[in-house]
Amino acid sequence: MALLNIQQVFGANVVETPTTITIQKSDLLGLTPISSNTADSLLAGIINTVLQQYEGQLTDENNLVVTDPSGIPITYDNHLFYNSTWVQFWGYLFPKGKLNSCFLYSQVKPYAN
């Protein structure tokens, strides 16, 4: 069973001490780092960063999507590799004037009958 390491969850430049975790906003995918980021936007950035460990599209060194000869994006799915947790994009909600991306997170634990 593989477990995510701290860099896979909080970004490559995370710093951990015995009492704190320091996250670089620029490491969180989909987050525009500004001084007034909300707790909600930071959480969404963390979830989006974690989601990339599970599933996504391959990109090149210029962050452009890699496609097959037919122009279809090449994707990956690592859900089976991380078998103790599960993060999955669920869908979009459209409250008035906003776009809300929804994710599912679950933890899998063995049980006995």
C-alpha atoms as a PDB file:
ATOM      1  CA  MET A   1       0.000   0.000   0.000  1.00  0.00           C
ATOM      2  CA  ALA A   2       1.537   3.295  -1.081  1.00  0.00           C
ATOM      3  CA  LEU A   3       0.973   6.433   0.969  1.00  0.00           C
ATOM      4  CA  LEU A   4       1.206   9.994  -0.289  1.00  0.00           C
ATOM      5  CA  ASN A   5       4.205  11.898   1.020  1.00  0.00           C
ATOM      6  CA  ILE A   6       3.940  15.453   2.332  1.00  0.00           C
ATOM      7  CA  GLN A   7       5.257  16.994  -0.908  1.00  0.00           C
ATOM      8  CA  GLN A   8       2.556  15.229  -2.933  1.00  0.00           C
ATOM      9  CA  VAL A   9      -0.126  16.758  -0.701  1.00  0.00           C
ATOM     10  CA  PHE A  10       1.207  20.272  -0.012  1.00  0.00           C
ATOM     11  CA  GLY A  11       3.668  20.888  -2.879  1.00  0.00           C
ATOM     12  CA  ALA A  12       7.370  20.470  -3.525  1.00  0.00           C
ATOM     13  CA  ASN A  13       8.524  23.280  -1.233  1.00  0.00           C
ATOM     14  CA  VAL A  14       6.583  22.370   1.918  1.00  0.00           C
ATOM     15  CA  VAL A  15       8.595  22.620   5.133  1.00  0.00           C
ATOM     16  CA  GLU A  16       7.690  20.513   8.150  1.00  0.00           C
ATOM     17  CA  THR A  17       8.968  20.935  11.707  1.00  0.00           C
ATOM     18  CA  PRO A  18       7.807  19.063  14.795  1.00  0.00           C
ATOM     19  CA  THR A  19       5.113  21.724  15.359  1.00  0.00           C
ATOM     20  CA  THR A  20       4.373  23.430  12.020  1.00  0.00           C
ATOM     21  CA  ILE A  21       3.866  22.902   8.307  1.00  0.00           C
ATOM     22  CA  THR A  22       4.727  25.790   5.963  1.00  0.00           C
ATOM     23  CA  ILE A  23       3.123  25.632   2.523  1.00  0.00           C
ATOM     24  CA  GLN A  24       4.131  27.722  -0.482  1.00  0.00           C
ATOM     25  CA  LYS A  25       0.952  28.999  -2.123  1.00  0.00           C
ATOM     26  CA  SER A  26       2.662  28.866  -5.521  1.00  0.00           C
ATOM     27  CA  ASP A  27       2.967  25.066  -5.137  1.00  0.00           C
ATOM     28  CA  LEU A  28      -0.804  24.587  -4.881  1.00  0.00           C
ATOM     29  CA  LEU A  29      -2.289  23.795  -8.297  1.00  0.00           C
ATOM     30  CA  GLY A  30      -5.025  26.085  -9.508  1.00  0.00           C
ATOM     31  CA  LEU A  31      -4.387  28.693  -6.804  1.00  0.00           C
ATOM     32  CA  THR A  32      -3.343  32.235  -7.668  1.00  0.00           C
ATOM     33  CA  PRO A  33      -1.195  33.255  -4.687  1.00  0.00           C
ATOM     34  CA  ILE A  34      -2.298  36.603  -3.275  1.00  0.00           C
ATOM     35  CA  SER A  35      -2.206  38.040   0.234  1.00  0.00           C
ATOM     36  CA  SER A  36      -5.967  37.676   0.617  1.00  0.00           C
ATOM     37  CA  ASN A  37      -6.445  33.993  -0.356  1.00  0.00           C
ATOM     38  CA  THR A  38      -9.335  32.581   1.617  1.00  0.00           C
ATOM     39  CA  ALA A  39      -9.211  29.394   3.646  1.00  0.00           C
ATOM     40  CA  ASP A  40     -11.618  27.911   1.096  1.00  0.00           C
ATOM     41  CA  SER A  41      -9.306  28.703  -1.824  1.00  0.00           C
ATOM     42  CA  LEU A  42      -6.299  27.261   0.013  1.00  0.00           C
ATOM     43  CA  LEU A  43      -8.211  24.054   0.752  1.00  0.00           C
ATOM     44  CA  ALA A  44      -9.290  23.828  -2.892  1.00  0.00           C
ATOM     45  CA  GLY A  45      -5.645  24.281  -3.952  1.00  0.00           C
ATOM     46  CA  ILE A  46      -4.551  21.478  -1.618  1.00  0.00           C
ATOM     47  CA  ILE A  47      -7.293  19.142  -2.883  1.00  0.00           C
ATOM     48  CA  ASN A  48      -6.452  19.961  -6.505  1.00  0.00           C
ATOM     49  CA  THR A  49      -2.750  19.284  -5.803  1.00  0.00           C
ATOM     50  CA  VAL A  50      -3.626  15.924  -4.230  1.00  0.00           C
ATOM     51  CA  LEU A  51      -5.981  15.055  -7.095  1.00  0.00           C
ATOM     52  CA  GLN A  52      -3.058  15.302  -9.538  1.00  0.00           C
ATOM     53  CA  GLN A  53      -1.443  12.355  -7.717  1.00  0.00           C
ATOM     54  CA  TYR A  54      -4.503  10.238  -8.550  1.00  0.00           C
ATOM     55  CA  GLU A  55      -5.618  11.265 -12.018  1.00  0.00           C
ATOM     56  CA  GLY A  56      -5.012  13.811 -14.733  1.00  0.00           C
ATOM     57  CA  GLN A  57      -3.624  14.540 -18.164  1.00  0.00           C
ATOM     58  CA  LEU A  58       0.024  14.222 -19.103  1.00  0.00           C
ATOM     59  CA  THR A  59       1.736  17.546 -19.788  1.00  0.00           C
ATOM     60  CA  ASP A  60       5.078  18.445 -21.321  1.00  0.00           C
ATOM     61  CA  GLU A  61       7.796  20.691 -19.859  1.00  0.00           C
ATOM     62  CA  ASN A  62       5.808  23.755 -21.037  1.00  0.00           C
ATOM     63  CA  ASN A  63       2.687  22.535 -19.196  1.00  0.00           C
ATOM     64  CA  LEU A  64       0.920  21.775 -22.501  1.00  0.00           C
ATOM     65  CA  VAL A  65      -1.322  18.706 -22.643  1.00  0.00           C
ATOM     66  CA  VAL A  66       0.242  15.703 -24.420  1.00  0.00           C
ATOM     67  CA  THR A  67      -2.072  14.151 -27.013  1.00  0.00           C
ATOM     68  CA  ASP A  68      -2.089  10.998 -29.096  1.00  0.00           C
ATOM     69  CA  PRO A  69      -1.954  11.159 -32.937  1.00  0.00           C
ATOM     70  CA  SER A  70      -5.740  11.689 -32.989  1.00  0.00           C
ATOM     71  CA  GLY A  71      -5.454  14.771 -30.759  1.00  0.00           C
ATOM     72  CA  ILE A  72      -6.974  13.052 -27.714  1.00  0.00           C
ATOM     73  CA  PRO A  73      -5.280  13.973 -24.408  1.00  0.00           C
ATOM     74  CA  ILE A  74      -3.276  11.176 -22.791  1.00  0.00           C
ATOM     75  CA  THR A  75      -4.506  10.621 -19.251  1.00  0.00           C
ATOM     76  CA  TYR A  76      -3.376   8.639 -16.234  1.00  0.00           C
ATOM     77  CA  ASP A  77      -5.164   7.034 -13.285  1.00  0.00           C
ATOM     78  CA  ASN A  78      -3.222   6.075 -10.144  1.00  0.00           C
ATOM     79  CA  HIS A  79      -6.210   5.251  -7.923  1.00  0.00           C
ATOM     80  CA  LEU A  80      -5.146   1.611  -7.570  1.00  0.00           C
ATOM     81  CA  PHE A  81      -1.642   2.656  -6.488  1.00  0.00           C
ATOM     82  CA  TYR A  82      -2.914   4.607  -3.467  1.00  0.00           C
ATOM     83  CA  ASN A  83      -5.291   2.074  -2.027  1.00  0.00           C
ATOM     84  CA  SER A  84      -5.861   3.610   1.417  1.00  0.00           C
ATOM     85  CA  THR A  85      -7.308   6.928   0.188  1.00  0.00           C
ATOM     86  CA  TRP A  86      -9.356   8.019  -2.778  1.00  0.00           C
ATOM     87  CA  VAL A  87      -9.684  11.498  -4.303  1.00  0.00           C
ATOM     88  CA  GLN A  88     -11.855  11.952  -7.330  1.00  0.00           C
ATOM     89  CA  PHE A  89     -13.241  14.914  -9.265  1.00  0.00           C
ATOM     90  CA  TRP A  90     -17.008  14.697  -8.928  1.00  0.00           C
ATOM     91  CA  GLY A  91     -18.429  17.524 -10.982  1.00  0.00           C
ATOM     92  CA  TYR A  92     -19.292  21.196 -11.232  1.00  0.00           C
ATOM     93  CA  LEU A  93     -21.981  23.133  -9.425  1.00  0.00           C
ATOM     94  CA  PHE A  94     -23.066  26.510 -10.774  1.00  0.00           C
ATOM     95  CA  PRO A  95     -24.264  28.827  -8.019  1.00  0.00           C
ATOM     96  CA  LYS A  96     -25.262  32.256  -9.343  1.00  0.00           C
ATOM     97  CA  GLY A  97     -22.227  33.913 -10.934  1.00  0.00           C
ATOM     98  CA  LYS A  98     -19.763  31.246  -9.735  1.00  0.00           C
ATOM     99  CA  LEU A  99     -18.220  27.938 -10.716  1.00  0.00           C
ATOM    100  CA  ASN A 100     -17.817  25.360  -7.973  1.00  0.00           C
ATOM    101  CA  SER A 101     -15.629  22.293  -8.608  1.00  0.00           C
ATOM    102  CA  CYS A 102     -16.591  19.384  -6.358  1.00  0.00           C
ATOM    103  CA  PHE A 103     -14.270  16.584  -5.259  1.00  0.00           C
ATOM    104  CA  LEU A 104     -14.823  13.394  -3.316  1.00  0.00           C
ATOM    105  CA  TYR A 105     -12.281  12.274  -0.725  1.00  0.00           C
ATOM    106  CA  SER A 106     -12.539   9.011   1.140  1.00  0.00           C
ATOM    107  CA  GLN A 107     -10.336   6.829   3.264  1.00  0.00           C
ATOM    108  CA  VAL A 108     -10.440   3.081   2.831  1.00  0.00           C
ATOM    109  CA  LYS A 109      -9.997   0.850   5.866  1.00  0.00           C
ATOM    110  CA  PRO A 110     -10.067  -2.961   5.963  1.00  0.00           C
ATOM    111  CA  TYR A 111     -12.775  -4.642   8.003  1.00  0.00           C
ATOM    112  CA  ALA A 112     -13.589  -8.196   9.016  1.00  0.00           C
ATOM    113  CA  ASN A 113     -16.926  -9.947   8.589  1.00  0.00           C
END
